[in-house]
Protein backbone atom coordinates (compact mmCIF):
# COMPACT_ATOMS: atom_id res chain seq x y z
CA UNK A 1 14.92 9.66 27.77
CA UNK A 2 11.48 8.50 26.16
CA UNK A 3 11.16 7.39 22.47
CA UNK A 4 8.03 8.67 20.38
CA UNK A 5 6.98 6.68 17.64
CA UNK A 6 5.01 8.66 14.48
CA UNK A 7 1.83 7.51 14.21
CA UNK A 8 1.13 4.97 10.98
CA UNK A 9 0.80 6.34 7.92
CA UNK A 10 -2.89 6.15 6.50
CA UNK A 11 -4.02 2.87 4.18
CA UNK A 12 -4.13 3.05 0.72
CA UNK A 13 -8.10 2.35 0.58
CA UNK A 14 -8.10 5.47 3.26
CA UNK A 15 -6.21 7.42 0.96
CA UNK A 16 -8.24 6.93 -2.02
CA UNK A 17 -11.42 7.68 0.08
CA UNK A 18 -9.57 11.10 1.04
CA UNK A 19 -8.97 12.00 -2.52
CA UNK A 20 -12.25 11.17 -3.37
CA UNK A 21 -14.04 12.80 -0.58
CA UNK A 22 -11.67 15.86 -1.49
CA UNK A 23 -12.81 15.49 -5.52
CA UNK A 24 -9.07 15.03 -6.42
CA UNK A 25 -9.55 12.19 -9.07
CA UNK A 26 -6.11 12.08 -10.41
CA UNK A 27 -4.83 11.75 -6.50
CA UNK A 28 -7.42 8.87 -6.12
CA UNK A 29 -5.77 6.85 -9.27
CA UNK A 30 -2.19 7.14 -8.13
CA UNK A 31 -3.32 5.55 -4.78
CA UNK A 32 -5.64 3.03 -6.45
CA UNK A 33 -2.15 2.46 -8.78
CA UNK A 34 0.07 2.29 -5.88
CA UNK A 35 -2.21 -0.14 -3.87
CA UNK A 36 -2.36 -2.41 -7.35
CA UNK A 37 1.48 -2.45 -7.53
CA UNK A 38 1.97 -3.22 -3.66
CA UNK A 39 -0.17 -6.12 -3.98
CA UNK A 40 1.49 -7.39 -7.09
CA UNK A 41 4.77 -6.48 -5.40
CA UNK A 42 3.57 -9.12 -2.37
CA UNK A 43 2.09 -11.49 -5.13
CA UNK A 44 5.65 -12.02 -6.48
CA UNK A 45 7.13 -11.93 -2.89
CA UNK A 46 5.06 -15.00 -1.91
CA UNK A 47 5.58 -16.77 -5.08
CA UNK A 48 9.36 -16.21 -4.96
CA UNK A 49 9.39 -17.10 -1.03
CA UNK A 50 7.30 -20.52 -1.64
CA UNK A 51 9.66 -21.28 -4.63
CA UNK A 52 12.45 -21.10 -2.03
CA UNK A 53 11.24 -23.00 0.40
CA UNK A 54 10.28 -26.21 -1.95
CA UNK A 55 13.35 -26.01 -3.46
């Protein structure tokens, strides 16, 4: 039996580019906001981890 893996999802910058190329400004903005929220969450996670490692 062989396992199959789904291809990785497109990265957010690629999604923004694709939406812009398709002239879908609303979708492009949604992807930009999602990307910013993801960065913000990653930064919060790094800070939390850092504070726990130094506690």
